[in-house]
Amino acid sequence: VRAIQDLIDGKLDELFLSQPPRTGKTTLLLFLCTWIIGKDSELSNLYSAYSDVITSAFYQGVLEIITDSETYLWGEIFPSCKIAGTNAKNETINIDRNKRYASLTCRSLYGTLNGACDCKGLLISDDLIGGIEEALNKDRLISAWSKVENNLIPRAVGEKKKFLWCGTRWSMADPIGTRI
């Protein structure tokens, strides 16, 4: 959490976090994204993971935190922020006003990134490799890195862009290791 705060405060431009499975990485990222889009809804942010199932669950989790006032206090923390639009098919959330590049876009690494999103805020990658089986497949690692290098990283634009690489590292040659 301190390292993430350093990233947000501008002490870092890029952060690499690796933890074992089921330690709360994605849950932490859910709260981070809701805080970021409440704090500055004009910045476009991007969350990417290895599958559409993961990005859809993340999208739903962000919406839950924002809209469930019985469980979460997002509305009290950001009382002037309102949901301007959501799109479950495109996994986008706009806060305060609808924009071409949403406050948050969620996309799998193998989903459509070109033309769908620019990221002027935080680009989060979360588990870009699905597990040990994929990590042992050299062709899969090469393919994943190609997507990261050619499709994901170029989405980050502007002087406020930040990168957060998060995941369980099953291989030294996974996208996080290659980026390092």
N, C-alpha and C. Protein backbone atom coordinates (compact mmCIF):
# COMPACT_ATOMS: atom_id res chain seq x y z
N VAL A 1 0.84 -1.18 0.00
CA VAL A 1 0.00 0.00 0.00
C VAL A 1 0.88 1.25 0.00
N ARG A 2 1.97 1.22 0.76
CA ARG A 2 2.88 2.38 0.76
C ARG A 2 3.49 2.60 -0.61
N ALA A 3 3.85 1.53 -1.28
CA ALA A 3 4.43 1.66 -2.62
C ALA A 3 3.40 2.21 -3.61
N ILE A 4 2.16 1.77 -3.49
CA ILE A 4 1.09 2.30 -4.35
C ILE A 4 0.90 3.79 -4.07
N GLN A 5 0.95 4.18 -2.80
CA GLN A 5 0.82 5.60 -2.46
C GLN A 5 1.97 6.39 -3.07
N ASP A 6 3.18 5.84 -3.05
CA ASP A 6 4.32 6.51 -3.70
C ASP A 6 4.08 6.68 -5.19
N LEU A 7 3.49 5.68 -5.81
CA LEU A 7 3.16 5.77 -7.24
C LEU A 7 2.17 6.90 -7.48
N ILE A 8 1.11 6.94 -6.71
CA ILE A 8 0.08 7.95 -6.86
C ILE A 8 0.62 9.34 -6.55
N ASP A 9 1.50 9.45 -5.57
CA ASP A 9 2.07 10.74 -5.17
C ASP A 9 3.16 11.24 -6.12
N GLY A 10 3.50 10.45 -7.14
CA GLY A 10 4.49 10.89 -8.11
C GLY A 10 5.92 10.57 -7.75
N LYS A 11 6.14 9.82 -6.68
CA LYS A 11 7.50 9.41 -6.33
C LYS A 11 7.98 8.30 -7.24
N LEU A 12 7.04 7.60 -7.88
CA LEU A 12 7.33 6.53 -8.84
C LEU A 12 6.48 6.74 -10.08
N ASP A 13 6.98 6.32 -11.22
CA ASP A 13 6.19 6.32 -12.44
C ASP A 13 5.68 4.92 -12.76
N GLU A 14 6.35 3.94 -12.17
CA GLU A 14 6.04 2.55 -12.48
C GLU A 14 6.30 1.72 -11.22
N LEU A 15 5.38 0.78 -10.94
CA LEU A 15 5.50 -0.06 -9.76
C LEU A 15 5.23 -1.50 -10.14
N PHE A 16 6.02 -2.41 -9.59
CA PHE A 16 5.87 -3.84 -9.83
C PHE A 16 5.56 -4.52 -8.50
N LEU A 17 4.39 -5.19 -8.43
CA LEU A 17 3.99 -5.90 -7.23
C LEU A 17 3.76 -7.36 -7.57
N SER A 18 4.38 -8.25 -6.82
CA SER A 18 4.17 -9.67 -7.02
C SER A 18 3.85 -10.31 -5.68
N GLN A 19 2.75 -11.04 -5.65
CA GLN A 19 2.33 -11.74 -4.45
C GLN A 19 1.76 -13.09 -4.84
N PRO A 20 1.73 -14.03 -3.90
CA PRO A 20 1.14 -15.33 -4.19
C PRO A 20 -0.35 -15.20 -4.51
N PRO A 21 -0.95 -16.24 -5.08
CA PRO A 21 -2.39 -16.20 -5.35
C PRO A 21 -3.19 -16.09 -4.05
N ARG A 22 -4.37 -15.50 -4.17
CA ARG A 22 -5.36 -15.40 -3.08
C ARG A 22 -4.86 -14.59 -1.89
N THR A 23 -4.06 -13.55 -2.14
CA THR A 23 -3.58 -12.70 -1.05
C THR A 23 -4.22 -11.32 -1.06
N GLY A 24 -5.21 -11.09 -1.92
CA GLY A 24 -5.94 -9.83 -1.91
C GLY A 24 -5.45 -8.78 -2.89
N LYS A 25 -4.64 -9.17 -3.85
CA LYS A 25 -4.11 -8.19 -4.82
C LYS A 25 -5.23 -7.48 -5.57
N THR A 26 -6.13 -8.24 -6.15
CA THR A 26 -7.18 -7.64 -6.97
C THR A 26 -8.15 -6.83 -6.12
N THR A 27 -8.44 -7.27 -4.93
CA THR A 27 -9.30 -6.50 -4.03
C THR A 27 -8.69 -5.15 -3.72
N LEU A 28 -7.40 -5.13 -3.45
CA LEU A 28 -6.70 -3.86 -3.23
C LEU A 28 -6.83 -2.96 -4.46
N LEU A 29 -6.68 -3.56 -5.65
CA LEU A 29 -6.78 -2.79 -6.89
C LEU A 29 -8.20 -2.24 -7.09
N LEU A 30 -9.22 -3.00 -6.68
CA LEU A 30 -10.60 -2.51 -6.76
C LEU A 30 -10.76 -1.20 -5.98
N PHE A 31 -10.30 -1.22 -4.74
CA PHE A 31 -10.42 -0.02 -3.91
C PHE A 31 -9.58 1.12 -4.47
N LEU A 32 -8.40 0.80 -4.97
CA LEU A 32 -7.55 1.82 -5.58
C LEU A 32 -8.25 2.49 -6.75
N CYS A 33 -8.83 1.70 -7.64
CA CYS A 33 -9.50 2.28 -8.82
C CYS A 33 -10.69 3.14 -8.44
N THR A 34 -11.47 2.71 -7.45
CA THR A 34 -12.62 3.53 -7.06
C THR A 34 -12.14 4.84 -6.46
N TRP A 35 -11.05 4.83 -5.73
CA TRP A 35 -10.48 6.05 -5.15
C TRP A 35 -9.96 6.96 -6.25
N ILE A 36 -9.26 6.39 -7.22
CA ILE A 36 -8.68 7.19 -8.31
C ILE A 36 -9.76 7.87 -9.14
N ILE A 37 -10.81 7.13 -9.52
CA ILE A 37 -11.83 7.75 -10.37
C ILE A 37 -12.71 8.71 -9.58
N GLY A 38 -12.78 8.56 -8.28
CA GLY A 38 -13.48 9.55 -7.46
C GLY A 38 -12.66 10.81 -7.27
N LYS A 39 -11.37 10.64 -7.16
CA LYS A 39 -10.45 11.76 -6.94
C LYS A 39 -10.29 12.63 -8.19
N ASP A 40 -10.18 12.00 -9.36
CA ASP A 40 -10.00 12.73 -10.62
C ASP A 40 -10.70 11.97 -11.74
N SER A 41 -11.97 12.26 -11.91
CA SER A 41 -12.78 11.52 -12.88
C SER A 41 -12.43 11.86 -14.33
N GLU A 42 -11.69 12.94 -14.56
CA GLU A 42 -11.34 13.33 -15.92
C GLU A 42 -10.23 12.47 -16.51
N LEU A 43 -9.38 11.90 -15.65
CA LEU A 43 -8.32 11.03 -16.17
C LEU A 43 -8.91 9.70 -16.61
N SER A 44 -8.43 9.20 -17.72
CA SER A 44 -8.85 7.87 -18.18
C SER A 44 -7.88 6.84 -17.63
N ASN A 45 -8.40 5.78 -17.05
CA ASN A 45 -7.60 4.73 -16.43
C ASN A 45 -7.96 3.40 -17.08
N LEU A 46 -6.99 2.49 -17.08
CA LEU A 46 -7.16 1.21 -17.75
C LEU A 46 -6.74 0.07 -16.83
N TYR A 47 -7.61 -0.94 -16.74
CA TYR A 47 -7.31 -2.17 -16.00
C TYR A 47 -7.28 -3.31 -17.00
N SER A 48 -6.21 -4.11 -16.99
CA SER A 48 -6.10 -5.23 -17.90
C SER A 48 -5.66 -6.48 -17.15
N ALA A 49 -6.23 -7.62 -17.55
CA ALA A 49 -5.87 -8.93 -16.99
C ALA A 49 -5.88 -9.94 -18.14
N TYR A 50 -5.58 -11.19 -17.84
CA TYR A 50 -5.42 -12.18 -18.91
C TYR A 50 -6.72 -12.63 -19.55
N SER A 51 -7.87 -12.40 -18.90
CA SER A 51 -9.12 -12.90 -19.50
C SER A 51 -10.26 -11.92 -19.31
N ASP A 52 -11.25 -12.04 -20.19
CA ASP A 52 -12.46 -11.23 -20.09
C ASP A 52 -13.24 -11.54 -18.81
N VAL A 53 -13.17 -12.75 -18.34
CA VAL A 53 -13.87 -13.12 -17.11
C VAL A 53 -13.32 -12.30 -15.94
N ILE A 54 -12.01 -12.15 -15.88
CA ILE A 54 -11.39 -11.39 -14.80
C ILE A 54 -11.74 -9.91 -14.92
N THR A 55 -11.62 -9.34 -16.13
CA THR A 55 -11.90 -7.91 -16.28
C THR A 55 -13.38 -7.61 -16.04
N SER A 56 -14.27 -8.52 -16.42
CA SER A 56 -15.69 -8.33 -16.15
C SER A 56 -15.97 -8.35 -14.65
N ALA A 57 -15.35 -9.26 -13.93
CA ALA A 57 -15.52 -9.32 -12.48
C ALA A 57 -14.96 -8.06 -11.82
N PHE A 58 -13.85 -7.55 -12.34
CA PHE A 58 -13.27 -6.33 -11.81
C PHE A 58 -14.23 -5.16 -12.04
N TYR A 59 -14.73 -5.04 -13.26
CA TYR A 59 -15.70 -3.99 -13.60
C TYR A 59 -16.90 -4.04 -12.64
N GLN A 60 -17.47 -5.24 -12.44
CA GLN A 60 -18.61 -5.40 -11.53
C GLN A 60 -18.23 -5.03 -10.10
N GLY A 61 -16.99 -5.38 -9.70
CA GLY A 61 -16.54 -5.05 -8.35
C GLY A 61 -16.41 -3.56 -8.12
N VAL A 62 -15.90 -2.84 -9.10
CA VAL A 62 -15.80 -1.38 -8.99
C VAL A 62 -17.20 -0.79 -8.87
N LEU A 63 -18.12 -1.23 -9.72
CA LEU A 63 -19.50 -0.73 -9.64
C LEU A 63 -20.13 -1.03 -8.28
N GLU A 64 -19.85 -2.20 -7.74
CA GLU A 64 -20.41 -2.56 -6.44
C GLU A 64 -19.93 -1.60 -5.36
N ILE A 65 -18.64 -1.30 -5.35
CA ILE A 65 -18.09 -0.38 -4.34
C ILE A 65 -18.71 1.01 -4.49
N ILE A 66 -18.89 1.45 -5.72
CA ILE A 66 -19.43 2.79 -5.96
C ILE A 66 -20.91 2.88 -5.60
N THR A 67 -21.68 1.83 -5.87
CA THR A 67 -23.14 1.92 -5.74
C THR A 67 -23.72 1.31 -4.47
N ASP A 68 -23.01 0.43 -3.80
CA ASP A 68 -23.55 -0.24 -2.62
C ASP A 68 -23.28 0.59 -1.36
N SER A 69 -24.20 1.49 -1.06
CA SER A 69 -24.02 2.37 0.11
C SER A 69 -24.27 1.65 1.43
N GLU A 70 -24.82 0.45 1.38
CA GLU A 70 -25.02 -0.34 2.60
C GLU A 70 -23.68 -0.90 3.11
N THR A 71 -22.79 -1.23 2.17
CA THR A 71 -21.53 -1.88 2.52
C THR A 71 -20.33 -0.92 2.45
N TYR A 72 -20.36 -0.01 1.47
CA TYR A 72 -19.20 0.85 1.22
C TYR A 72 -19.58 2.32 1.37
N LEU A 73 -18.58 3.16 1.61
CA LEU A 73 -18.81 4.57 1.86
C LEU A 73 -18.33 5.46 0.71
N TRP A 74 -18.23 4.91 -0.50
CA TRP A 74 -17.71 5.69 -1.62
C TRP A 74 -18.51 6.98 -1.81
N GLY A 75 -19.82 6.90 -1.75
CA GLY A 75 -20.67 8.08 -1.94
C GLY A 75 -20.45 9.15 -0.88
N GLU A 76 -20.10 8.74 0.33
CA GLU A 76 -19.81 9.70 1.40
C GLU A 76 -18.43 10.32 1.22
N ILE A 77 -17.48 9.53 0.72
CA ILE A 77 -16.13 10.04 0.52
C ILE A 77 -16.08 10.97 -0.69
N PHE A 78 -16.87 10.65 -1.73
CA PHE A 78 -16.92 11.45 -2.95
C PHE A 78 -18.36 11.90 -3.20
N PRO A 79 -18.91 12.76 -2.34
CA PRO A 79 -20.33 13.10 -2.44
C PRO A 79 -20.71 13.86 -3.72
N SER A 80 -19.78 14.55 -4.32
CA SER A 80 -20.11 15.31 -5.53
C SER A 80 -19.95 14.47 -6.80
N CYS A 81 -19.42 13.26 -6.68
CA CYS A 81 -19.22 12.40 -7.85
C CYS A 81 -20.47 11.57 -8.12
N LYS A 82 -20.82 11.49 -9.38
CA LYS A 82 -21.97 10.70 -9.79
C LYS A 82 -21.59 9.85 -11.00
N ILE A 83 -22.20 8.69 -11.09
CA ILE A 83 -21.99 7.85 -12.28
C ILE A 83 -22.72 8.52 -13.44
N ALA A 84 -21.96 8.84 -14.48
CA ALA A 84 -22.55 9.45 -15.68
C ALA A 84 -22.95 8.39 -16.69
N GLY A 85 -22.23 7.28 -16.68
CA GLY A 85 -22.55 6.22 -17.62
C GLY A 85 -21.74 4.98 -17.36
N THR A 86 -22.35 3.83 -17.64
CA THR A 86 -21.65 2.55 -17.55
C THR A 86 -21.99 1.76 -18.81
N ASN A 87 -21.09 0.85 -19.14
CA ASN A 87 -21.33 -0.02 -20.29
C ASN A 87 -20.73 -1.38 -19.95
N ALA A 88 -21.59 -2.33 -19.59
CA ALA A 88 -21.12 -3.66 -19.20
C ALA A 88 -20.45 -4.39 -20.35
N LYS A 89 -20.97 -4.21 -21.57
CA LYS A 89 -20.36 -4.87 -22.74
C LYS A 89 -18.94 -4.39 -22.97
N ASN A 90 -18.74 -3.08 -22.89
CA ASN A 90 -17.41 -2.50 -23.11
C ASN A 90 -16.61 -2.34 -21.82
N GLU A 91 -17.22 -2.69 -20.68
CA GLU A 91 -16.57 -2.61 -19.37
C GLU A 91 -15.98 -1.22 -19.12
N THR A 92 -16.84 -0.20 -19.26
CA THR A 92 -16.42 1.18 -19.02
C THR A 92 -17.32 1.83 -17.99
N ILE A 93 -16.72 2.72 -17.22
CA ILE A 93 -17.43 3.52 -16.22
C ILE A 93 -17.00 4.97 -16.40
N ASN A 94 -17.97 5.85 -16.53
CA ASN A 94 -17.70 7.28 -16.57
C ASN A 94 -18.26 7.92 -15.31
N ILE A 95 -17.43 8.70 -14.68
CA ILE A 95 -17.83 9.45 -13.50
C ILE A 95 -17.96 10.92 -13.88
N ASP A 96 -19.02 11.56 -13.43
CA ASP A 96 -19.32 12.98 -13.59
C ASP A 96 -19.81 13.36 -14.98
N ARG A 97 -19.21 12.85 -16.03
CA ARG A 97 -19.70 13.13 -17.38
C ARG A 97 -19.24 12.01 -18.31
N ASN A 98 -20.00 11.82 -19.39
CA ASN A 98 -19.60 10.83 -20.39
C ASN A 98 -18.49 11.40 -21.24
N LYS A 99 -17.46 10.59 -21.47
CA LYS A 99 -16.29 11.01 -22.24
C LYS A 99 -15.93 9.91 -23.23
N ARG A 100 -15.21 10.29 -24.27
CA ARG A 100 -14.77 9.30 -25.25
C ARG A 100 -13.93 8.21 -24.58
N TYR A 101 -12.98 8.62 -23.75
CA TYR A 101 -12.17 7.67 -22.99
C TYR A 101 -12.63 7.72 -21.54
N ALA A 102 -13.22 6.64 -21.11
CA ALA A 102 -13.92 6.58 -19.83
C ALA A 102 -12.99 6.78 -18.64
N SER A 103 -13.60 7.11 -17.51
CA SER A 103 -12.85 7.22 -16.26
C SER A 103 -12.13 5.91 -15.96
N LEU A 104 -12.80 4.79 -16.25
CA LEU A 104 -12.19 3.47 -16.11
C LEU A 104 -12.65 2.57 -17.25
N THR A 105 -11.68 1.95 -17.89
CA THR A 105 -11.95 0.93 -18.89
C THR A 105 -11.27 -0.35 -18.43
N CYS A 106 -11.98 -1.46 -18.50
CA CYS A 106 -11.43 -2.77 -18.16
C CYS A 106 -11.38 -3.59 -19.45
N ARG A 107 -10.22 -4.16 -19.76
CA ARG A 107 -10.05 -4.94 -20.99
C ARG A 107 -9.06 -6.07 -20.73
N SER A 108 -9.36 -7.22 -21.31
CA SER A 108 -8.39 -8.31 -21.21
C SER A 108 -7.22 -8.00 -22.15
N LEU A 109 -6.12 -8.63 -21.87
CA LEU A 109 -4.92 -8.44 -22.69
C LEU A 109 -5.19 -8.82 -24.14
N TYR A 110 -6.09 -9.78 -24.34
CA TYR A 110 -6.40 -10.23 -25.69
C TYR A 110 -7.69 -9.60 -26.22
N GLY A 111 -8.23 -8.62 -25.51
CA GLY A 111 -9.41 -7.90 -25.97
C GLY A 111 -9.01 -6.73 -26.84
N THR A 112 -10.01 -5.97 -27.25
CA THR A 112 -9.77 -4.82 -28.12
C THR A 112 -9.29 -3.64 -27.31
N LEU A 113 -8.07 -3.22 -27.56
CA LEU A 113 -7.52 -2.03 -26.92
C LEU A 113 -7.40 -0.88 -27.91
N ASN A 114 -7.02 -1.19 -29.14
CA ASN A 114 -6.81 -0.15 -30.15
C ASN A 114 -8.09 0.61 -30.40
N GLY A 115 -8.03 1.93 -30.24
CA GLY A 115 -9.18 2.78 -30.49
C GLY A 115 -10.23 2.76 -29.40
N ALA A 116 -10.12 1.83 -28.47
CA ALA A 116 -11.13 1.69 -27.42
C ALA A 116 -10.78 2.48 -26.16
N CYS A 117 -9.51 2.75 -25.97
CA CYS A 117 -9.13 3.44 -24.74
C CYS A 117 -7.76 4.10 -24.88
N ASP A 118 -7.66 5.24 -24.26
CA ASP A 118 -6.38 5.88 -23.99
C ASP A 118 -6.30 5.95 -22.48
N CYS A 119 -5.12 5.87 -21.96
CA CYS A 119 -4.95 5.87 -20.51
C CYS A 119 -4.06 7.05 -20.14
N LYS A 120 -4.67 8.10 -19.62
CA LYS A 120 -3.91 9.28 -19.21
C LYS A 120 -3.64 9.28 -17.71
N GLY A 121 -4.15 8.27 -17.03
CA GLY A 121 -3.97 8.15 -15.59
C GLY A 121 -3.16 6.90 -15.26
N LEU A 122 -3.82 5.93 -14.63
CA LEU A 122 -3.15 4.71 -14.17
C LEU A 122 -3.48 3.54 -15.08
N LEU A 123 -2.44 2.88 -15.57
CA LEU A 123 -2.59 1.65 -16.32
C LEU A 123 -2.22 0.51 -15.38
N ILE A 124 -3.19 -0.36 -15.12
CA ILE A 124 -2.98 -1.48 -14.20
C ILE A 124 -3.01 -2.78 -14.99
N SER A 125 -1.98 -3.56 -14.84
CA SER A 125 -2.01 -4.94 -15.34
C SER A 125 -2.08 -5.84 -14.13
N ASP A 126 -2.98 -6.80 -14.19
CA ASP A 126 -3.22 -7.68 -13.05
C ASP A 126 -3.27 -9.12 -13.55
N ASP A 127 -2.25 -9.88 -13.23
CA ASP A 127 -2.20 -11.28 -13.65
C ASP A 127 -2.40 -11.43 -15.15
N LEU A 128 -1.39 -11.07 -15.91
CA LEU A 128 -1.45 -11.19 -17.37
C LEU A 128 -1.20 -12.61 -17.85
N ILE A 129 -0.77 -13.48 -16.94
CA ILE A 129 -0.59 -14.91 -17.23
C ILE A 129 -1.54 -15.66 -16.31
N GLY A 130 -2.28 -16.62 -16.88
CA GLY A 130 -3.35 -17.29 -16.17
C GLY A 130 -2.93 -18.28 -15.09
N GLY A 131 -1.69 -18.69 -15.06
CA GLY A 131 -1.27 -19.65 -14.05
C GLY A 131 -0.02 -20.39 -14.49
N ILE A 132 0.36 -21.38 -13.72
CA ILE A 132 1.61 -22.10 -13.94
C ILE A 132 1.64 -22.79 -15.30
N GLU A 133 0.49 -23.32 -15.74
CA GLU A 133 0.48 -24.01 -17.04
C GLU A 133 0.86 -23.06 -18.16
N GLU A 134 0.31 -21.85 -18.15
CA GLU A 134 0.65 -20.87 -19.17
C GLU A 134 2.07 -20.38 -19.01
N ALA A 135 2.51 -20.24 -17.77
CA ALA A 135 3.86 -19.75 -17.52
C ALA A 135 4.93 -20.72 -18.01
N LEU A 136 4.60 -21.99 -18.10
CA LEU A 136 5.55 -22.98 -18.60
C LEU A 136 5.55 -23.08 -20.12
N ASN A 137 4.64 -22.37 -20.77
CA ASN A 137 4.53 -22.39 -22.22
C ASN A 137 5.26 -21.18 -22.81
N LYS A 138 6.42 -21.42 -23.38
CA LYS A 138 7.26 -20.33 -23.90
C LYS A 138 6.51 -19.51 -24.96
N ASP A 139 5.76 -20.18 -25.82
CA ASP A 139 5.02 -19.47 -26.87
C ASP A 139 3.96 -18.54 -26.25
N ARG A 140 3.32 -19.00 -25.19
CA ARG A 140 2.31 -18.18 -24.52
C ARG A 140 2.96 -16.95 -23.90
N LEU A 141 4.13 -17.09 -23.31
CA LEU A 141 4.82 -15.94 -22.71
C LEU A 141 5.23 -14.93 -23.79
N ILE A 142 5.70 -15.43 -24.91
CA ILE A 142 6.09 -14.55 -26.02
C ILE A 142 4.86 -13.81 -26.55
N SER A 143 3.76 -14.53 -26.71
CA SER A 143 2.53 -13.93 -27.19
C SER A 143 2.02 -12.86 -26.22
N ALA A 144 2.04 -13.16 -24.93
CA ALA A 144 1.58 -12.20 -23.93
C ALA A 144 2.44 -10.94 -23.96
N TRP A 145 3.77 -11.12 -24.02
CA TRP A 145 4.64 -9.95 -24.05
C TRP A 145 4.40 -9.12 -25.32
N SER A 146 4.18 -9.76 -26.42
CA SER A 146 3.90 -9.04 -27.67
C SER A 146 2.65 -8.17 -27.52
N LYS A 147 1.61 -8.71 -26.89
CA LYS A 147 0.40 -7.94 -26.64
C LYS A 147 0.67 -6.76 -25.69
N VAL A 148 1.46 -7.01 -24.66
CA VAL A 148 1.80 -5.95 -23.70
C VAL A 148 2.57 -4.83 -24.41
N GLU A 149 3.59 -5.22 -25.13
CA GLU A 149 4.48 -4.25 -25.76
C GLU A 149 3.79 -3.47 -26.88
N ASN A 150 2.98 -4.13 -27.68
CA ASN A 150 2.41 -3.50 -28.86
C ASN A 150 1.00 -2.95 -28.68
N ASN A 151 0.24 -3.47 -27.71
CA ASN A 151 -1.14 -3.03 -27.53
C ASN A 151 -1.40 -2.34 -26.20
N LEU A 152 -0.84 -2.89 -25.11
CA LEU A 152 -1.16 -2.35 -23.79
C LEU A 152 -0.36 -1.10 -23.46
N ILE A 153 0.94 -1.19 -23.49
CA ILE A 153 1.79 -0.06 -23.11
C ILE A 153 1.50 1.19 -23.94
N PRO A 154 1.31 1.08 -25.26
CA PRO A 154 1.03 2.29 -26.04
C PRO A 154 -0.29 3.00 -25.68
N ARG A 155 -1.18 2.34 -24.92
CA ARG A 155 -2.42 3.01 -24.50
C ARG A 155 -2.13 4.11 -23.49
N ALA A 156 -1.01 4.01 -22.77
CA ALA A 156 -0.65 5.02 -21.77
C ALA A 156 -0.07 6.25 -22.47
N VAL A 157 -0.72 7.38 -22.27
CA VAL A 157 -0.30 8.61 -22.91
C VAL A 157 -0.38 9.76 -21.91
N GLY A 158 0.36 10.82 -22.18
CA GLY A 158 0.28 12.02 -21.36
C GLY A 158 1.26 12.03 -20.21
N GLU A 159 1.39 13.18 -19.61
CA GLU A 159 2.39 13.36 -18.57
C GLU A 159 1.98 12.80 -17.21
N LYS A 160 0.70 12.49 -17.00
CA LYS A 160 0.25 11.95 -15.71
C LYS A 160 0.19 10.43 -15.70
N LYS A 161 0.58 9.78 -16.80
CA LYS A 161 0.45 8.32 -16.88
C LYS A 161 1.35 7.64 -15.85
N LYS A 162 0.82 6.55 -15.32
CA LYS A 162 1.52 5.70 -14.34
C LYS A 162 1.24 4.25 -14.70
N PHE A 163 2.17 3.37 -14.36
CA PHE A 163 2.02 1.93 -14.60
C PHE A 163 2.07 1.18 -13.28
N LEU A 164 1.12 0.28 -13.08
CA LEU A 164 1.12 -0.62 -11.93
C LEU A 164 1.03 -2.05 -12.47
N TRP A 165 2.11 -2.79 -12.32
CA TRP A 165 2.19 -4.18 -12.79
C TRP A 165 2.00 -5.07 -11.57
N CYS A 166 0.92 -5.82 -11.54
CA CYS A 166 0.58 -6.61 -10.37
C CYS A 166 0.29 -8.05 -10.80
N GLY A 167 0.70 -8.99 -9.99
CA GLY A 167 0.36 -10.37 -10.32
C GLY A 167 1.15 -11.38 -9.53
N THR A 168 0.79 -12.62 -9.76
CA THR A 168 1.54 -13.75 -9.24
C THR A 168 2.53 -14.13 -10.33
N ARG A 169 3.79 -14.06 -10.03
CA ARG A 169 4.82 -14.34 -11.03
C ARG A 169 5.14 -15.82 -11.02
N TRP A 170 4.65 -16.50 -12.05
CA TRP A 170 4.87 -17.93 -12.20
C TRP A 170 6.15 -18.21 -12.98
N SER A 171 6.70 -17.18 -13.61
CA SER A 171 7.89 -17.34 -14.45
C SER A 171 8.67 -16.04 -14.46
N MET A 172 9.99 -16.15 -14.53
CA MET A 172 10.83 -14.96 -14.66
C MET A 172 10.63 -14.28 -16.00
N ALA A 173 10.11 -15.02 -16.98
CA ALA A 173 9.92 -14.50 -18.33
C ALA A 173 8.48 -14.03 -18.57
N ASP A 174 7.69 -13.89 -17.50
CA ASP A 174 6.33 -13.39 -17.68
C ASP A 174 6.40 -11.89 -18.03
N PRO A 175 5.28 -11.28 -18.41
CA PRO A 175 5.33 -9.87 -18.81
C PRO A 175 5.92 -8.93 -17.75
N ILE A 176 5.66 -9.19 -16.48
CA ILE A 176 6.26 -8.32 -15.44
C ILE A 176 7.77 -8.46 -15.47
N GLY A 177 8.27 -9.68 -15.52
CA GLY A 177 9.72 -9.90 -15.55
C GLY A 177 10.35 -9.30 -16.80
N THR A 178 9.68 -9.45 -17.93
CA THR A 178 10.20 -8.89 -19.16
C THR A 178 10.22 -7.36 -19.09
N ARG A 179 9.19 -6.77 -18.52
CA ARG A 179 9.14 -5.32 -18.38
C ARG A 179 10.23 -4.82 -17.44
N ILE A 180 10.46 -5.53 -16.36
CA ILE A 180 11.54 -5.14 -15.44
C ILE A 180 12.86 -5.15 -16.16
